[in-house]
Amino acid sequence: MSRETAVYTHGHHESVLRSHRWRTAANSAAYLLDELRPGLRVLDVGCGPGTITADLAALVAPGRVTAVDTGSGILGQAAEVAAERELDNVEFAVADVHALDFPDDSFDVVHAHQVLQHVGDPVQALREMRRVCRPGGVVAARDSDYAAMAWYPSVPGMTDWLDLYHRVARANGGEPDAGRRLLSWARRAGFSDITPSAGAWCYAGEDRAWWSGLWADRTTASAYAERAVEGGHATAGQLTAVADAWRAWGEEPDAWFMVPHGEVLCRP
């Protein structure tokens, strides 16, 4: 069985967690909510700082949620979120989605948000998610698609950001245009009953400064920035220019940015 070969592009710098902590079940898993009900057992793969996890736990209580990620540090932050919300139906574990340490048919729902774009073998990951999901359950995956992102106005330097991100993410073993591939990956993983859909985040108005600021900071201070330089994809000066482009875009009163996502609900 394969193990993880990709390197997580973003890391867990504050500029990354700033966006990850914004995520909720409502804004990031709406396509899944109709499948949830009290008493279900849920596996949340790649839970990150745990804001979506906590929402899922509240929706299925007294059912239990198992939240997994690749490192104990970020799981500690997720556990703090669950404790702050007084949720006692969540447990946390380090895991590799390519080789999940759970028996077959362990969960009613297996969920992964913005995970498959970062793994080395997304088809194997989906096979494992399928294996641990009981018959009649649902496997849910949602991933963004960088090539389909759109923004206005066309500030010089923003296309440099998109080109750079593609190169860094793929050098790390991931696929930044995962959203459009989810249906294909799910079919290759053995699913035949698949409901594909799409959803989007939109940042404009007051949100534009928040979005542009976190990406400007991520471009110069996160693990992504380090990997861009170490991999020979950009110099520190080029990263600063991209960050400046993000800030310039965010200062435009008409600024608008769309992040599209592919989604799949798969039934074993």
C-alpha atoms as a PDB file:
ATOM      1  CA  MET A   1       0.000   0.000   0.000  1.00  0.00           C
ATOM      2  CA  SER A   2       1.357   3.432  -0.918  1.00  0.00           C
ATOM      3  CA  ARG A   3       2.353   6.016   1.647  1.00  0.00           C
ATOM      4  CA  GLU A   4       2.466   9.786   1.402  1.00  0.00           C
ATOM      5  CA  THR A   5       5.077  11.089  -1.013  1.00  0.00           C
ATOM      6  CA  ALA A   6       3.935  14.701  -1.362  1.00  0.00           C
ATOM      7  CA  VAL A   7       5.014  17.630   0.776  1.00  0.00           C
ATOM      8  CA  TYR A   8       2.246  19.856   2.134  1.00  0.00           C
ATOM      9  CA  THR A   9       2.768  23.082   0.215  1.00  0.00           C
ATOM     10  CA  HIS A  10       1.374  25.616   2.678  1.00  0.00           C
ATOM     11  CA  GLY A  11       2.534  24.494   6.095  1.00  0.00           C
ATOM     12  CA  HIS A  12       0.842  25.930   9.164  1.00  0.00           C
ATOM     13  CA  HIS A  13       2.094  29.510   9.279  1.00  0.00           C
ATOM     14  CA  GLU A  14      -0.301  32.021  10.824  1.00  0.00           C
ATOM     15  CA  SER A  15      -1.150  33.388   7.369  1.00  0.00           C
ATOM     16  CA  VAL A  16      -2.327  29.907   6.351  1.00  0.00           C
ATOM     17  CA  LEU A  17      -4.287  29.253   9.524  1.00  0.00           C
ATOM     18  CA  ARG A  18      -5.897  32.687   9.165  1.00  0.00           C
ATOM     19  CA  SER A  19      -7.821  31.334   6.191  1.00  0.00           C
ATOM     20  CA  HIS A  20      -8.238  27.780   7.471  1.00  0.00           C
ATOM     21  CA  ARG A  21      -9.843  28.934  10.729  1.00  0.00           C
ATOM     22  CA  TRP A  22     -12.390  30.921   8.703  1.00  0.00           C
ATOM     23  CA  ARG A  23     -13.786  27.697   7.260  1.00  0.00           C
ATOM     24  CA  THR A  24     -17.053  26.284   8.540  1.00  0.00           C
ATOM     25  CA  ALA A  25     -19.312  23.437   7.531  1.00  0.00           C
ATOM     26  CA  ALA A  26     -21.681  26.040   6.077  1.00  0.00           C
ATOM     27  CA  ASN A  27     -19.147  27.769   3.823  1.00  0.00           C
ATOM     28  CA  SER A  28     -16.979  24.745   3.032  1.00  0.00           C
ATOM     29  CA  ALA A  29     -19.150  21.616   3.219  1.00  0.00           C
ATOM     30  CA  ALA A  30     -22.660  22.739   2.285  1.00  0.00           C
ATOM     31  CA  TYR A  31     -22.887  19.954  -0.322  1.00  0.00           C
ATOM     32  CA  LEU A  32     -22.547  17.396   2.499  1.00  0.00           C
ATOM     33  CA  LEU A  33     -24.917  18.823   5.123  1.00  0.00           C
ATOM     34  CA  ASP A  34     -28.071  17.060   3.919  1.00  0.00           C
ATOM     35  CA  GLU A  35     -26.297  13.728   4.523  1.00  0.00           C
ATOM     36  CA  LEU A  36     -25.669  14.433   8.204  1.00  0.00           C
ATOM     37  CA  ARG A  37     -27.898  13.541  11.141  1.00  0.00           C
ATOM     38  CA  PRO A  38     -27.486  12.845  14.850  1.00  0.00           C
ATOM     39  CA  GLY A  39     -25.822   9.553  15.699  1.00  0.00           C
ATOM     40  CA  LEU A  40     -23.584   9.153  12.642  1.00  0.00           C
ATOM     41  CA  ARG A  41     -19.916   8.213  12.893  1.00  0.00           C
ATOM     42  CA  VAL A  42     -17.714  10.592  10.860  1.00  0.00           C
ATOM     43  CA  LEU A  43     -14.070  10.545   9.779  1.00  0.00           C
ATOM     44  CA  ASP A  44     -12.697  14.001   8.966  1.00  0.00           C
ATOM     45  CA  VAL A  45      -9.522  13.575   6.913  1.00  0.00           C
ATOM     46  CA  GLY A  46      -6.984  16.409   6.946  1.00  0.00           C
ATOM     47  CA  CYS A  47      -8.881  18.314   9.606  1.00  0.00           C
ATOM     48  CA  GLY A  48      -6.348  21.138  10.010  1.00  0.00           C
ATOM     49  CA  PRO A  49      -7.238  23.542  12.829  1.00  0.00           C
ATOM     50  CA  GLY A  50     -10.588  21.842  13.274  1.00  0.00           C
ATOM     51  CA  THR A  51     -13.253  24.467  12.632  1.00  0.00           C
ATOM     52  CA  ILE A  52     -15.097  22.316  10.099  1.00  0.00           C
ATOM     53  CA  THR A  53     -14.549  19.290  12.348  1.00  0.00           C
ATOM     54  CA  ALA A  54     -16.236  21.016  15.257  1.00  0.00           C
ATOM     55  CA  ASP A  55     -19.233  21.932  13.119  1.00  0.00           C
ATOM     56  CA  LEU A  56     -19.562  18.339  11.926  1.00  0.00           C
ATOM     57  CA  ALA A  57     -19.350  17.082  15.504  1.00  0.00           C
ATOM     58  CA  ALA A  58     -22.139  19.414  16.601  1.00  0.00           C
ATOM     59  CA  LEU A  59     -24.345  18.246  13.726  1.00  0.00           C
ATOM     60  CA  VAL A  60     -23.963  14.501  14.356  1.00  0.00           C
ATOM     61  CA  ALA A  61     -23.892  14.484  18.177  1.00  0.00           C
ATOM     62  CA  PRO A  62     -24.238  12.149  20.013  1.00  0.00           C
ATOM     63  CA  GLY A  63     -22.485  10.431  17.099  1.00  0.00           C
ATOM     64  CA  ARG A  64     -18.705  10.642  17.112  1.00  0.00           C
ATOM     65  CA  VAL A  65     -16.189  12.349  14.842  1.00  0.00           C
ATOM     66  CA  THR A  66     -12.646  11.097  14.379  1.00  0.00           C
ATOM     67  CA  ALA A  67     -10.408  13.860  13.033  1.00  0.00           C
ATOM     68  CA  VAL A  68      -7.057  12.995  11.479  1.00  0.00           C
ATOM     69  CA  ASP A  69      -4.125  14.919  10.073  1.00  0.00           C
ATOM     70  CA  THR A  70      -0.486  14.239   9.348  1.00  0.00           C
ATOM     71  CA  GLY A  71       0.974  16.091  12.342  1.00  0.00           C
ATOM     72  CA  SER A  72       0.249  16.240  16.055  1.00  0.00           C
ATOM     73  CA  GLY A  73       0.834  20.002  16.269  1.00  0.00           C
ATOM     74  CA  ILE A  74      -2.138  20.996  14.141  1.00  0.00           C
ATOM     75  CA  LEU A  75      -4.257  18.306  15.844  1.00  0.00           C
ATOM     76  CA  GLY A  76      -3.570  20.011  19.149  1.00  0.00           C
ATOM     77  CA  GLN A  77      -5.023  23.220  17.761  1.00  0.00           C
ATOM     78  CA  ALA A  78      -8.075  21.324  16.492  1.00  0.00           C
ATOM     79  CA  ALA A  79      -8.539  19.764  19.930  1.00  0.00           C
ATOM     80  CA  GLU A  80      -8.498  23.244  21.474  1.00  0.00           C
ATOM     81  CA  VAL A  81     -11.328  24.323  19.148  1.00  0.00           C
ATOM     82  CA  ALA A  82     -13.400  21.289  20.160  1.00  0.00           C
ATOM     83  CA  ALA A  83     -12.739  21.984  23.839  1.00  0.00           C
ATOM     84  CA  GLU A  84     -13.693  25.656  23.471  1.00  0.00           C
ATOM     85  CA  ARG A  85     -17.025  24.557  21.965  1.00  0.00           C
ATOM     86  CA  GLU A  86     -17.487  21.988  24.741  1.00  0.00           C
ATOM     87  CA  LEU A  87     -17.699  19.117  22.273  1.00  0.00           C
ATOM     88  CA  ASP A  88     -17.008  15.759  23.892  1.00  0.00           C
ATOM     89  CA  ASN A  89     -17.702  13.606  20.821  1.00  0.00           C
ATOM     90  CA  VAL A  90     -14.456  14.263  18.901  1.00  0.00           C
ATOM     91  CA  GLU A  91     -11.228  12.275  18.951  1.00  0.00           C
ATOM     92  CA  PHE A  92      -7.979  13.044  17.147  1.00  0.00           C
ATOM     93  CA  ALA A  93      -5.251  10.916  15.593  1.00  0.00           C
ATOM     94  CA  VAL A  94      -2.225  11.236  13.307  1.00  0.00           C
ATOM     95  CA  ALA A  95      -2.892   9.398  10.036  1.00  0.00           C
ATOM     96  CA  ASP A  96      -1.853   9.035   6.404  1.00  0.00           C
ATOM     97  CA  VAL A  97      -4.895   9.003   4.126  1.00  0.00           C
ATOM     98  CA  HIS A  98      -3.111   6.567   1.796  1.00  0.00           C
ATOM     99  CA  ALA A  99      -3.075   3.943   4.577  1.00  0.00           C
ATOM    100  CA  LEU A 100      -5.744   4.683   7.179  1.00  0.00           C
ATOM    101  CA  ASP A 101      -5.365   2.734  10.416  1.00  0.00           C
ATOM    102  CA  PHE A 102      -9.063   1.895  10.734  1.00  0.00           C
ATOM    103  CA  PRO A 103     -10.984  -1.314   9.994  1.00  0.00           C
ATOM    104  CA  ASP A 104     -13.170  -1.669   6.938  1.00  0.00           C
ATOM    105  CA  ASP A 105     -16.669  -0.131   7.181  1.00  0.00           C
ATOM    106  CA  SER A 106     -15.817   1.946  10.283  1.00  0.00           C
ATOM    107  CA  PHE A 107     -17.620   5.193   9.423  1.00  0.00           C
ATOM    108  CA  ASP A 108     -20.933   6.433   8.068  1.00  0.00           C
ATOM    109  CA  VAL A 109     -19.360   9.553   6.540  1.00  0.00           C
ATOM    110  CA  VAL A 110     -15.767  10.112   5.394  1.00  0.00           C
ATOM    111  CA  HIS A 111     -14.990  13.750   4.607  1.00  0.00           C
ATOM    112  CA  ALA A 112     -11.956  15.531   3.148  1.00  0.00           C
ATOM    113  CA  HIS A 113     -11.835  19.258   2.496  1.00  0.00           C
ATOM    114  CA  GLN A 114      -8.907  20.706   0.497  1.00  0.00           C
ATOM    115  CA  VAL A 115      -6.909  17.514   1.039  1.00  0.00           C
ATOM    116  CA  LEU A 116      -6.648  15.590  -2.221  1.00  0.00           C
ATOM    117  CA  GLN A 117      -4.891  18.471  -3.991  1.00  0.00           C
ATOM    118  CA  HIS A 118      -1.976  18.026  -1.585  1.00  0.00           C
ATOM    119  CA  VAL A 119      -1.468  14.243  -1.559  1.00  0.00           C
ATOM    120  CA  GLY A 120       0.812  12.146  -3.723  1.00  0.00           C
ATOM    121  CA  ASP A 121      -1.802   9.598  -4.804  1.00  0.00           C
ATOM    122  CA  PRO A 122      -5.347  10.980  -4.628  1.00  0.00           C
ATOM    123  CA  VAL A 123      -6.850   7.844  -6.169  1.00  0.00           C
ATOM    124  CA  GLN A 124      -5.316   5.652  -3.466  1.00  0.00           C
ATOM    125  CA  ALA A 125      -6.499   8.165  -0.868  1.00  0.00           C
ATOM    126  CA  LEU A 126     -10.054   7.829  -2.167  1.00  0.00           C
ATOM    127  CA  ARG A 127      -9.732   4.032  -2.179  1.00  0.00           C
ATOM    128  CA  GLU A 128      -8.829   4.142   1.507  1.00  0.00           C
ATOM    129  CA  MET A 129     -11.672   6.538   2.254  1.00  0.00           C
ATOM    130  CA  ARG A 130     -13.983   4.120   0.439  1.00  0.00           C
ATOM    131  CA  ARG A 131     -12.626   1.120   2.376  1.00  0.00           C
ATOM    132  CA  VAL A 132     -13.333   2.623   5.794  1.00  0.00           C
ATOM    133  CA  CYS A 133     -16.815   3.861   4.806  1.00  0.00           C
ATOM    134  CA  ARG A 134     -19.655   1.453   5.465  1.00  0.00           C
ATOM    135  CA  PRO A 135     -21.992   0.341   2.668  1.00  0.00           C
ATOM    136  CA  GLY A 136     -24.775   2.908   2.445  1.00  0.00           C
ATOM    137  CA  GLY A 137     -22.516   5.629   3.786  1.00  0.00           C
ATOM    138  CA  VAL A 138     -20.966   8.529   1.890  1.00  0.00           C
ATOM    139  CA  VAL A 139     -17.470   9.702   1.010  1.00  0.00           C
ATOM    140  CA  ALA A 140     -17.306  13.462   0.469  1.00  0.00           C
ATOM    141  CA  ALA A 141     -14.411  15.411  -1.046  1.00  0.00           C
ATOM    142  CA  ARG A 142     -14.068  19.065  -1.999  1.00  0.00           C
ATOM    143  CA  ASP A 143     -11.030  20.719  -3.564  1.00  0.00           C
ATOM    144  CA  SER A 144     -10.261  24.056  -5.116  1.00  0.00           C
ATOM    145  CA  ASP A 145      -9.099  24.506  -8.705  1.00  0.00           C
ATOM    146  CA  TYR A 146      -6.378  27.117  -9.068  1.00  0.00           C
ATOM    147  CA  ALA A 147      -6.443  27.386 -12.864  1.00  0.00           C
ATOM    148  CA  ALA A 148     -10.140  28.256 -12.683  1.00  0.00           C
ATOM    149  CA  MET A 149      -9.685  31.030 -10.108  1.00  0.00           C
ATOM    150  CA  ALA A 150     -10.715  34.440 -11.415  1.00  0.00           C
ATOM    151  CA  TRP A 151     -10.156  37.975 -10.223  1.00  0.00           C
ATOM    152  CA  TYR A 152     -10.708  41.575 -11.185  1.00  0.00           C
ATOM    153  CA  PRO A 153      -9.045  43.966 -11.829  1.00  0.00           C
ATOM    154  CA  SER A 154      -6.057  42.479 -13.628  1.00  0.00           C
ATOM    155  CA  VAL A 155      -3.304  43.861 -11.432  1.00  0.00           C
ATOM    156  CA  PRO A 156       0.207  43.206 -12.832  1.00  0.00           C
ATOM    157  CA  GLY A 157       1.875  40.415 -10.899  1.00  0.00           C
ATOM    158  CA  MET A 158      -1.207  38.365 -10.056  1.00  0.00           C
ATOM    159  CA  THR A 159      -0.695  36.026 -13.002  1.00  0.00           C
ATOM    160  CA  ASP A 160       2.891  35.596 -11.773  1.00  0.00           C
ATOM    161  CA  TRP A 161       1.425  34.407  -8.450  1.00  0.00           C
ATOM    162  CA  LEU A 162      -0.770  31.798 -10.146  1.00  0.00           C
ATOM    163  CA  ASP A 163       2.083  30.500 -12.309  1.00  0.00           C
ATOM    164  CA  LEU A 164       4.380  30.320  -9.290  1.00  0.00           C
ATOM    165  CA  TYR A 165       1.836  28.506  -7.155  1.00  0.00           C
ATOM    166  CA  HIS A 166       1.265  25.879  -9.838  1.00  0.00           C
ATOM    167  CA  ARG A 167       4.995  25.215 -10.121  1.00  0.00           C
ATOM    168  CA  VAL A 168       5.614  25.003  -6.375  1.00  0.00           C
ATOM    169  CA  ALA A 169       2.584  22.809  -5.646  1.00  0.00           C
ATOM    170  CA  ARG A 170       3.391  20.351  -8.429  1.00  0.00           C
ATOM    171  CA  ALA A 171       7.059  20.199  -7.429  1.00  0.00           C
ATOM    172  CA  ASN A 172       5.823  19.224  -3.961  1.00  0.00           C
ATOM    173  CA  GLY A 173       3.888  16.312  -5.475  1.00  0.00           C
ATOM    174  CA  GLY A 174       0.389  17.795  -5.395  1.00  0.00           C
ATOM    175  CA  GLU A 175      -2.172  18.813  -8.027  1.00  0.00           C
ATOM    176  CA  PRO A 176      -3.428  22.393  -7.570  1.00  0.00           C
ATOM    177  CA  ASP A 177      -6.167  21.950 -10.192  1.00  0.00           C
ATOM    178  CA  ALA A 178      -7.726  19.100  -8.217  1.00  0.00           C
ATOM    179  CA  GLY A 179     -11.302  20.368  -8.319  1.00  0.00           C
ATOM    180  CA  ARG A 180     -11.872  19.432 -11.966  1.00  0.00           C
ATOM    181  CA  ARG A 181     -10.303  16.008 -11.398  1.00  0.00           C
ATOM    182  CA  LEU A 182     -12.345  14.791  -8.422  1.00  0.00           C
ATOM    183  CA  LEU A 183     -14.939  12.963 -10.500  1.00  0.00           C
ATOM    184  CA  SER A 184     -12.249  11.193 -12.525  1.00  0.00           C
ATOM    185  CA  TRP A 185     -10.275  10.274  -9.402  1.00  0.00           C
ATOM    186  CA  ALA A 186     -13.397   8.929  -7.701  1.00  0.00           C
ATOM    187  CA  ARG A 187     -14.229   6.751 -10.708  1.00  0.00           C
ATOM    188  CA  ARG A 188     -10.688   5.387 -10.769  1.00  0.00           C
ATOM    189  CA  ALA A 189     -10.952   4.660  -7.040  1.00  0.00           C
ATOM    190  CA  GLY A 190     -13.856   2.312  -7.739  1.00  0.00           C
ATOM    191  CA  PHE A 191     -16.906   4.459  -7.052  1.00  0.00           C
ATOM    192  CA  SER A 192     -19.807   4.228  -9.477  1.00  0.00           C
ATOM    193  CA  ASP A 193     -22.508   6.107  -7.538  1.00  0.00           C
ATOM    194  CA  ILE A 194     -21.082   9.645  -7.595  1.00  0.00           C
ATOM    195  CA  THR A 195     -22.834  13.001  -7.337  1.00  0.00           C
ATOM    196  CA  PRO A 196     -20.495  15.734  -8.653  1.00  0.00           C
ATOM    197  CA  SER A 197     -21.094  19.408  -7.961  1.00  0.00           C
ATOM    198  CA  ALA A 198     -19.283  22.712  -7.634  1.00  0.00           C
ATOM    199  CA  GLY A 199     -19.180  25.561  -5.170  1.00  0.00           C
ATOM    200  CA  ALA A 200     -17.259  28.811  -4.814  1.00  0.00           C
ATOM    201  CA  TRP A 201     -15.933  31.302  -2.325  1.00  0.00           C
ATOM    202  CA  CYS A 202     -16.058  34.966  -3.310  1.00  0.00           C
ATOM    203  CA  TYR A 203     -13.969  37.715  -1.734  1.00  0.00           C
ATOM    204  CA  ALA A 204     -14.944  41.305  -2.404  1.00  0.00           C
ATOM    205  CA  GLY A 205     -15.891  44.401  -0.455  1.00  0.00           C
ATOM    206  CA  GLU A 206     -14.513  44.265   3.080  1.00  0.00           C
ATOM    207  CA  ASP A 207     -13.308  40.688   2.554  1.00  0.00           C
ATOM    208  CA  ARG A 208     -10.826  41.692  -0.127  1.00  0.00           C
ATOM    209  CA  ALA A 209      -8.299  43.193   2.310  1.00  0.00           C
ATOM    210  CA  TRP A 210      -8.388  40.060   4.479  1.00  0.00           C
ATOM    211  CA  TRP A 211      -7.893  37.764   1.479  1.00  0.00           C
ATOM    212  CA  SER A 212      -5.172  39.824  -0.173  1.00  0.00           C
ATOM    213  CA  GLY A 213      -3.360  40.327   3.135  1.00  0.00           C
ATOM    214  CA  LEU A 214      -3.165  36.656   4.036  1.00  0.00           C
ATOM    215  CA  TRP A 215      -1.919  35.724   0.566  1.00  0.00           C
ATOM    216  CA  ALA A 216       0.660  38.517   0.621  1.00  0.00           C
ATOM    217  CA  ASP A 217       1.920  37.264   3.979  1.00  0.00           C
ATOM    218  CA  ARG A 218       1.813  33.624   2.852  1.00  0.00           C
ATOM    219  CA  THR A 219       3.883  34.497  -0.223  1.00  0.00           C
ATOM    220  CA  THR A 220       6.788  35.852   1.825  1.00  0.00           C
ATOM    221  CA  ALA A 221       6.638  34.180   5.256  1.00  0.00           C
ATOM    222  CA  SER A 222       5.127  30.681   5.076  1.00  0.00           C
ATOM    223  CA  ALA A 223       6.495  27.229   4.268  1.00  0.00           C
ATOM    224  CA  TYR A 224       5.203  27.840   0.739  1.00  0.00           C
ATOM    225  CA  ALA A 225       7.591  30.811   0.450  1.00  0.00           C
ATOM    226  CA  GLU A 226      10.511  28.751   1.755  1.00  0.00           C
ATOM    227  CA  ARG A 227       9.787  25.943  -0.692  1.00  0.00           C
ATOM    228  CA  ALA A 228       9.477  28.378  -3.580  1.00  0.00           C
ATOM    229  CA  VAL A 229      12.980  29.700  -2.919  1.00  0.00           C
ATOM    230  CA  GLU A 230      14.596  26.398  -1.965  1.00  0.00           C
ATOM    231  CA  GLY A 231      13.154  24.724  -5.054  1.00  0.00           C
ATOM    232  CA  GLY A 232      14.513  27.430  -7.355  1.00  0.00           C
ATOM    233  CA  HIS A 233      11.042  28.581  -8.406  1.00  0.00           C
ATOM    234  CA  ALA A 234      11.471  32.197  -7.271  1.00  0.00           C
ATOM    235  CA  THR A 235      13.898  34.528  -5.567  1.00  0.00           C
ATOM    236  CA  ALA A 236      13.069  36.391  -2.390  1.00  0.00           C
ATOM    237  CA  GLY A 237      12.748  39.536  -4.489  1.00  0.00           C
ATOM    238  CA  GLN A 238      10.272  37.895  -6.836  1.00  0.00           C
ATOM    239  CA  LEU A 239       8.185  36.730  -3.885  1.00  0.00           C
ATOM    240  CA  THR A 240       8.121  40.277  -2.548  1.00  0.00           C
ATOM    241  CA  ALA A 241       6.905  41.515  -5.935  1.00  0.00           C
ATOM    242  CA  VAL A 242       4.087  38.947  -5.923  1.00  0.00           C
ATOM    243  CA  ALA A 243       3.130  39.934  -2.375  1.00  0.00           C
ATOM    244  CA  ASP A 244       3.060  43.583  -3.441  1.00  0.00           C
ATOM    245  CA  ALA A 245       0.748  42.632  -6.313  1.00  0.00           C
ATOM    246  CA  TRP A 246      -1.631  40.972  -3.853  1.00  0.00           C
ATOM    247  CA  ARG A 247      -1.697  44.080  -1.672  1.00  0.00           C
ATOM    248  CA  ALA A 248      -2.213  46.348  -4.698  1.00  0.00           C
ATOM    249  CA  TRP A 249      -5.142  44.202  -5.805  1.00  0.00           C
ATOM    250  CA  GLY A 250      -6.652  44.355  -2.322  1.00  0.00           C
ATOM    251  CA  GLU A 251      -6.561  48.152  -2.362  1.00  0.00           C
ATOM    252  CA  GLU A 252      -8.761  48.321  -5.455  1.00  0.00           C
ATOM    253  CA  PRO A 253     -12.360  49.216  -4.452  1.00  0.00           C
ATOM    254  CA  ASP A 254     -13.717  47.027  -7.260  1.00  0.00           C
ATOM    255  CA  ALA A 255     -11.543  44.041  -6.331  1.00  0.00           C
ATOM    256  CA  TRP A 256     -13.281  40.661  -6.671  1.00  0.00           C
ATOM    257  CA  PHE A 257     -11.819  37.158  -6.354  1.00  0.00           C
ATOM    258  CA  MET A 258     -13.465  33.773  -6.893  1.00  0.00           C
ATOM    259  CA  VAL A 259     -12.173  30.434  -5.626  1.00  0.00           C
ATOM    260  CA  PRO A 260     -14.049  27.609  -7.393  1.00  0.00           C
ATOM    261  CA  HIS A 261     -14.250  24.088  -5.953  1.00  0.00           C
ATOM    262  CA  GLY A 262     -15.096  20.697  -7.351  1.00  0.00           C
ATOM    263  CA  GLU A 263     -17.157  18.472  -5.044  1.00  0.00           C
ATOM    264  CA  VAL A 264     -18.111  14.804  -5.046  1.00  0.00           C
ATOM    265  CA  LEU A 265     -20.456  12.736  -2.902  1.00  0.00           C
ATOM    266  CA  CYS A 266     -19.576   9.077  -3.437  1.00  0.00           C
ATOM    267  CA  ARG A 267     -21.525   6.081  -2.177  1.00  0.00           C
ATOM    268  CA  PRO A 268     -19.622   2.805  -1.720  1.00  0.00           C
END
